[in-house]
Amino acid sequence: MVQKNIKNKKLLGIKEKRERLASIINGFDSLIVAFSGGVDSAFLLAIAHKLLKKNVVAISATSPIHPSREIEYSKKFADNLGIKHILFKSREINHSGFMANKKNRCYICKKLLFEDILKIASDMGIASIAHGANLDDLDDFRPGLSAAKEMGVIAPLIDAGLSKDDIRLLSKDMNLSTWDKPAMACFATRIPYGTPLTQKALGMIEQAENTIIDLGFKTCRVRCHGKAARIEVNINDIEKILNETNRKTIINELKKIGFSHIALDMEGYVMGSLSY
């Protein structure tokens, strides 16, 4: 993972960045891509498959912290490209340190994840593992990047100097369905640090978000504060979510799920709003 000369990388044209990424990937005989189904890992997987063909394998973890929708999406994406796709159950849900939900939560999760992927890769005779971190992630609170670096998991998109906007543009150019896909994070991010995670709470969050997504909202987060649900949608969708039909549906369904208080965050969706 290269963090030097970041400013120079940002000045590179998109063509040069794409060529640099191709050069990096062509340096591998085979590669396993940690694939979440999101914009970044989908782009990395598609590029790697284009260059290395059958020598690329996608791998995804299943867990109560990951939306079932995303798992299904990742399966379809890999299948459509003809890429071998491995699914395995990750272990973080059984780790007391992770479930304590401290600020090292993401580090613990990623370390366990990459330990498992390294074992699978070794069994398959594949030496290199890549994940989809991009250049913008270096400016955010991403403890998982430290775990990846420690485990020897590479970040080709960072090394090529590709930002999120670059990746969306190149994904659109490749006609990837993920090019305008909203950002997604695991359900643990919906619960404030210091509040222990439970499988019940994670399940309630998934059901609540599915209810809102099914009403036509592409981006939503249900922040869980005990029995209270704080809903975030894009600022432009606030008027839509408050129309009488949607409002009543959300209240009724979320109370069935187990929430006793349902609130709308008037600031709209803010990435990482529980990172305190």
Protein backbone atom coordinates (compact mmCIF):
# COMPACT_ATOMS: atom_id res chain seq x y z
CA MET A 1 0.00 0.00 0.00
CA VAL A 2 1.71 3.16 -1.15
CA GLN A 3 0.97 6.36 0.75
CA LYS A 4 3.88 8.49 -0.46
CA ASN A 5 3.51 11.16 -3.11
CA ILE A 6 -0.27 11.21 -2.70
CA LYS A 7 -0.52 14.76 -4.03
CA ASN A 8 1.33 13.78 -7.20
CA LYS A 9 -0.96 10.80 -7.70
CA LYS A 10 -4.03 13.02 -7.51
CA LEU A 11 -2.64 15.04 -10.41
CA LEU A 12 -2.28 12.03 -12.64
CA GLY A 13 -4.76 11.94 -15.51
CA ILE A 14 -7.39 9.22 -15.49
CA LYS A 15 -5.72 7.49 -18.44
CA GLU A 16 -2.38 7.30 -16.67
CA LYS A 17 -4.05 5.98 -13.53
CA ARG A 18 -5.85 3.27 -15.47
CA GLU A 19 -2.63 2.26 -17.20
CA ARG A 20 -0.83 2.21 -13.88
CA LEU A 21 -3.53 -0.05 -12.41
CA ALA A 22 -3.24 -2.41 -15.38
CA SER A 23 0.53 -2.57 -14.91
CA ILE A 24 0.12 -3.40 -11.22
CA ILE A 25 -2.42 -6.16 -11.86
CA ASN A 26 -0.43 -7.64 -14.74
CA GLY A 27 2.38 -8.18 -12.26
CA PHE A 28 0.43 -11.03 -10.66
CA ASP A 29 0.10 -14.57 -11.98
CA SER A 30 -3.12 -15.02 -10.02
CA LEU A 31 -5.16 -12.93 -7.63
CA ILE A 32 -7.96 -13.21 -5.08
CA VAL A 33 -10.08 -10.08 -4.75
CA ALA A 34 -11.92 -9.43 -1.48
CA PHE A 35 -15.28 -8.54 -2.99
CA SER A 36 -18.02 -6.72 -1.11
CA GLY A 37 -20.18 -5.94 -4.14
CA GLY A 38 -19.49 -2.22 -3.78
CA VAL A 39 -18.22 0.27 -6.35
CA ASP A 40 -14.52 -0.09 -5.60
CA SER A 41 -14.11 -3.84 -5.24
CA ALA A 42 -16.42 -4.45 -8.21
CA PHE A 43 -14.27 -2.24 -10.42
CA LEU A 44 -11.07 -3.88 -9.19
CA LEU A 45 -12.55 -7.33 -9.79
CA ALA A 46 -13.73 -6.45 -13.30
CA ILE A 47 -10.36 -4.98 -14.30
CA ALA A 48 -8.45 -7.90 -12.81
CA HIS A 49 -10.68 -10.38 -14.63
CA LYS A 50 -10.21 -8.53 -17.91
CA LEU A 51 -6.44 -8.77 -17.56
CA LEU A 52 -5.89 -12.09 -15.78
CA LYS A 53 -8.95 -13.98 -17.02
CA LYS A 54 -9.53 -17.23 -15.10
CA ASN A 55 -6.61 -16.52 -12.79
CA VAL A 56 -8.81 -14.16 -10.77
CA VAL A 57 -11.10 -15.34 -7.98
CA ALA A 58 -13.65 -13.26 -6.08
CA ILE A 59 -14.24 -13.96 -2.40
CA SER A 60 -17.00 -12.60 -0.17
CA ALA A 61 -17.86 -13.05 3.50
CA THR A 62 -21.37 -13.73 4.73
CA SER A 63 -22.33 -12.47 8.17
CA PRO A 64 -25.19 -10.79 10.07
CA ILE A 65 -23.21 -7.54 9.75
CA HIS A 66 -23.50 -7.58 5.95
CA PRO A 67 -26.75 -6.83 4.07
CA SER A 68 -28.19 -9.94 2.44
CA ARG A 69 -29.00 -7.74 -0.56
CA GLU A 70 -25.31 -7.02 -1.04
CA ILE A 71 -24.38 -10.70 -0.92
CA GLU A 72 -26.97 -11.50 -3.57
CA TYR A 73 -25.78 -8.58 -5.67
CA SER A 74 -22.16 -9.71 -5.46
CA LYS A 75 -23.14 -13.24 -6.53
CA LYS A 76 -24.98 -11.94 -9.60
CA PHE A 77 -22.18 -9.53 -10.50
CA ALA A 78 -19.50 -12.22 -10.43
CA ASP A 79 -21.73 -14.69 -12.25
CA ASN A 80 -22.49 -12.20 -15.03
CA LEU A 81 -18.76 -11.74 -15.63
CA GLY A 82 -18.06 -15.46 -15.43
CA ILE A 83 -15.80 -15.09 -12.40
CA LYS A 84 -15.32 -17.85 -9.84
CA HIS A 85 -16.87 -16.60 -6.60
CA ILE A 86 -16.24 -18.08 -3.16
CA LEU A 87 -18.55 -17.37 -0.22
CA PHE A 88 -17.55 -18.14 3.36
CA LYS A 89 -18.87 -17.33 6.84
CA SER A 90 -16.72 -14.78 8.61
CA ARG A 91 -15.91 -15.04 12.32
CA GLU A 92 -16.23 -11.53 13.73
CA ILE A 93 -19.72 -12.13 15.12
CA ASN A 94 -18.21 -14.69 17.53
CA HIS A 95 -15.35 -12.44 18.63
CA SER A 96 -15.94 -10.69 21.96
CA GLY A 97 -13.62 -7.83 21.05
CA PHE A 98 -15.57 -7.05 17.90
CA MET A 99 -18.96 -7.37 19.60
CA ALA A 100 -17.83 -4.94 22.33
CA ASN A 101 -18.00 -2.31 19.56
CA LYS A 102 -14.97 -0.24 20.53
CA LYS A 103 -13.06 1.97 18.11
CA ASN A 104 -10.87 -0.97 17.09
CA ARG A 105 -13.96 -2.83 15.83
CA CYS A 106 -13.10 -2.45 12.14
CA TYR A 107 -9.49 -3.45 12.73
CA ILE A 108 -10.56 -6.67 14.46
CA CYS A 109 -13.08 -7.46 11.73
CA LYS A 110 -10.65 -6.92 8.86
CA LYS A 111 -7.87 -8.87 10.55
CA LEU A 112 -10.15 -11.88 11.05
CA LEU A 113 -11.43 -11.51 7.49
CA PHE A 114 -8.00 -11.40 5.90
CA GLU A 115 -6.74 -14.28 8.07
CA ASP A 116 -9.51 -16.44 6.64
CA ILE A 117 -8.95 -15.25 3.08
CA LEU A 118 -5.21 -15.88 3.36
CA LYS A 119 -5.91 -19.45 4.45
CA ILE A 120 -8.29 -20.01 1.53
CA ALA A 121 -5.83 -18.43 -0.90
CA SER A 122 -3.01 -20.64 0.39
CA ASP A 123 -5.14 -23.75 -0.05
CA MET A 124 -5.82 -22.67 -3.64
CA GLY A 125 -2.17 -21.90 -4.38
CA ILE A 126 -2.81 -18.18 -4.86
CA ALA A 127 -0.18 -15.92 -3.32
CA SER A 128 -1.73 -12.48 -3.74
CA ILE A 129 -4.84 -10.94 -2.18
CA ALA A 130 -6.24 -7.52 -3.07
CA HIS A 131 -8.93 -5.34 -1.55
CA GLY A 132 -10.79 -2.36 -2.94
CA ALA A 133 -9.58 0.55 -0.82
CA ASN A 134 -9.22 3.75 -2.84
CA LEU A 135 -7.13 6.90 -2.47
CA ASP A 136 -9.86 8.81 -0.62
CA ASP A 137 -9.87 6.19 2.13
CA LEU A 138 -6.46 7.43 3.28
CA ASP A 139 -8.12 10.67 4.41
CA ASP A 140 -10.82 8.89 6.43
CA PHE A 141 -10.81 6.88 9.67
CA ARG A 142 -10.13 3.42 8.23
CA PRO A 143 -8.48 1.15 10.82
CA GLY A 144 -9.12 -1.77 8.49
CA LEU A 145 -6.36 -0.42 6.24
CA SER A 146 -3.83 -1.11 9.00
CA ALA A 147 -5.02 -4.70 9.25
CA ALA A 148 -4.70 -5.14 5.49
CA LYS A 149 -1.17 -3.75 5.49
CA GLU A 150 -0.13 -6.00 8.39
CA MET A 151 -1.53 -9.06 6.62
CA GLY A 152 0.14 -8.25 3.29
CA VAL A 153 -3.14 -7.58 1.48
CA ILE A 154 -2.55 -5.17 -1.39
CA ALA A 155 -4.60 -2.13 -2.42
CA PRO A 156 -4.04 -1.69 -6.18
CA LEU A 157 -6.53 1.19 -6.46
CA ILE A 158 -4.55 3.21 -3.91
CA ASP A 159 -1.24 2.29 -5.53
CA ALA A 160 -2.60 3.47 -8.88
CA GLY A 161 -3.78 6.76 -7.35
CA LEU A 162 -7.48 6.19 -8.03
CA SER A 163 -10.08 8.19 -6.12
CA LYS A 164 -13.75 7.27 -5.69
CA ASP A 165 -14.73 9.69 -8.46
CA ASP A 166 -12.12 8.16 -10.78
CA ILE A 167 -13.47 4.69 -10.07
CA ARG A 168 -17.06 5.71 -10.75
CA LEU A 169 -16.03 7.32 -14.04
CA LEU A 170 -14.03 4.30 -15.18
CA SER A 171 -16.79 1.94 -14.05
CA LYS A 172 -19.31 3.87 -16.15
CA ASP A 173 -16.95 3.68 -19.12
CA MET A 174 -16.87 -0.12 -18.66
CA ASN A 175 -20.68 -0.27 -18.38
CA LEU A 176 -20.49 -1.72 -14.88
CA SER A 177 -23.80 -1.63 -13.04
CA THR A 178 -21.99 -0.46 -9.92
CA TRP A 179 -20.81 2.87 -11.32
CA ASP A 180 -23.52 4.89 -9.54
CA LYS A 181 -24.21 2.48 -6.71
CA PRO A 182 -24.61 4.17 -3.31
CA ALA A 183 -21.92 3.61 -0.71
CA MET A 184 -22.63 0.84 1.77
CA ALA A 185 -21.10 -0.07 5.12
CA CYS A 186 -21.69 -2.94 7.50
CA PHE A 187 -24.55 -2.78 10.01
CA ALA A 188 -22.15 -2.39 12.93
CA THR A 189 -21.63 1.20 11.78
CA ARG A 190 -25.27 1.96 12.65
CA ILE A 191 -24.62 1.47 16.37
CA PRO A 192 -22.59 4.02 18.39
CA TYR A 193 -19.14 3.02 19.59
CA GLY A 194 -19.30 1.60 23.10
CA THR A 195 -22.75 0.09 22.69
CA PRO A 196 -22.28 -3.69 22.50
CA LEU A 197 -23.44 -5.29 19.26
CA THR A 198 -26.12 -7.97 19.32
CA GLN A 199 -27.37 -10.16 16.51
CA LYS A 200 -30.90 -9.05 17.38
CA ALA A 201 -30.05 -5.37 16.87
CA LEU A 202 -28.20 -6.10 13.63
CA GLY A 203 -31.22 -8.02 12.34
CA MET A 204 -33.59 -5.20 13.28
CA ILE A 205 -31.43 -2.71 11.41
CA GLU A 206 -31.40 -4.85 8.26
CA GLN A 207 -35.18 -5.31 8.31
CA ALA A 208 -35.73 -1.59 8.87
CA GLU A 209 -33.41 -0.56 6.05
CA ASN A 210 -35.00 -3.08 3.70
CA THR A 211 -38.40 -1.54 4.45
CA ILE A 212 -37.14 1.91 3.45
CA ILE A 213 -35.20 0.69 0.41
CA ASP A 214 -38.31 -1.13 -0.82
CA LEU A 215 -40.12 2.21 -0.79
CA GLY A 216 -37.67 3.49 -3.40
CA PHE A 217 -34.92 5.14 -1.35
CA LYS A 218 -31.51 4.27 -2.80
CA THR A 219 -29.55 5.52 0.19
CA CYS A 220 -30.68 5.06 3.77
CA ARG A 221 -29.22 4.33 7.17
CA VAL A 222 -31.15 3.31 10.26
CA ARG A 223 -29.01 4.36 13.22
CA CYS A 224 -29.88 2.25 16.23
CA HIS A 225 -30.04 3.90 19.66
CA GLY A 226 -31.48 1.11 21.78
CA LYS A 227 -35.17 0.90 20.88
CA ALA A 228 -35.00 4.18 18.95
CA ALA A 229 -34.40 4.25 15.20
CA ARG A 230 -32.87 7.39 13.67
CA ILE A 231 -33.39 7.35 9.92
CA GLU A 232 -31.03 9.04 7.49
CA VAL A 233 -31.80 9.45 3.78
CA ASN A 234 -30.32 11.76 1.16
CA ILE A 235 -31.22 15.36 1.88
CA ASN A 236 -33.18 15.52 -1.40
CA ASP A 237 -35.36 12.60 -0.24
CA ILE A 238 -36.53 14.13 3.04
CA GLU A 239 -39.72 15.54 1.55
CA LYS A 240 -40.45 12.18 -0.10
CA ILE A 241 -40.00 10.16 3.08
CA LEU A 242 -42.34 12.50 4.95
CA ASN A 243 -45.28 12.05 2.59
CA GLU A 244 -48.17 10.50 4.48
CA THR A 245 -48.06 7.08 2.81
CA ASN A 246 -44.33 6.56 3.31
CA ARG A 247 -44.39 7.99 6.83
CA LYS A 248 -47.16 5.67 8.01
CA THR A 249 -45.63 2.63 6.32
CA ILE A 250 -42.25 3.23 7.94
CA ILE A 251 -43.72 3.83 11.39
CA ASN A 252 -45.91 0.72 11.24
CA GLU A 253 -43.23 -1.58 9.85
CA LEU A 254 -40.43 -0.42 12.13
CA LYS A 255 -42.64 -0.82 15.20
CA LYS A 256 -43.42 -4.37 14.08
CA ILE A 257 -39.69 -4.99 13.87
CA GLY A 258 -39.25 -3.87 17.48
CA PHE A 259 -38.42 -0.16 17.48
CA SER A 260 -40.52 1.93 19.85
CA HIS A 261 -39.40 5.38 18.65
CA ILE A 262 -38.80 6.33 15.01
CA ALA A 263 -37.09 9.63 14.16
CA LEU A 264 -35.89 11.26 10.94
CA ASP A 265 -32.51 12.98 10.97
CA MET A 266 -33.18 16.35 9.35
CA GLU A 267 -29.53 16.75 8.34
CA GLY A 268 -29.90 13.82 5.97
CA TYR A 269 -27.42 11.02 5.37
CA VAL A 270 -23.96 11.80 6.69
CA MET A 271 -21.24 9.19 6.12
CA GLY A 272 -19.67 8.08 9.37
CA SER A 273 -22.11 10.02 11.53
CA LEU A 274 -21.64 7.56 14.40
CA SER A 275 -17.84 7.74 14.32
CA TYR A 276 -17.45 9.44 17.68
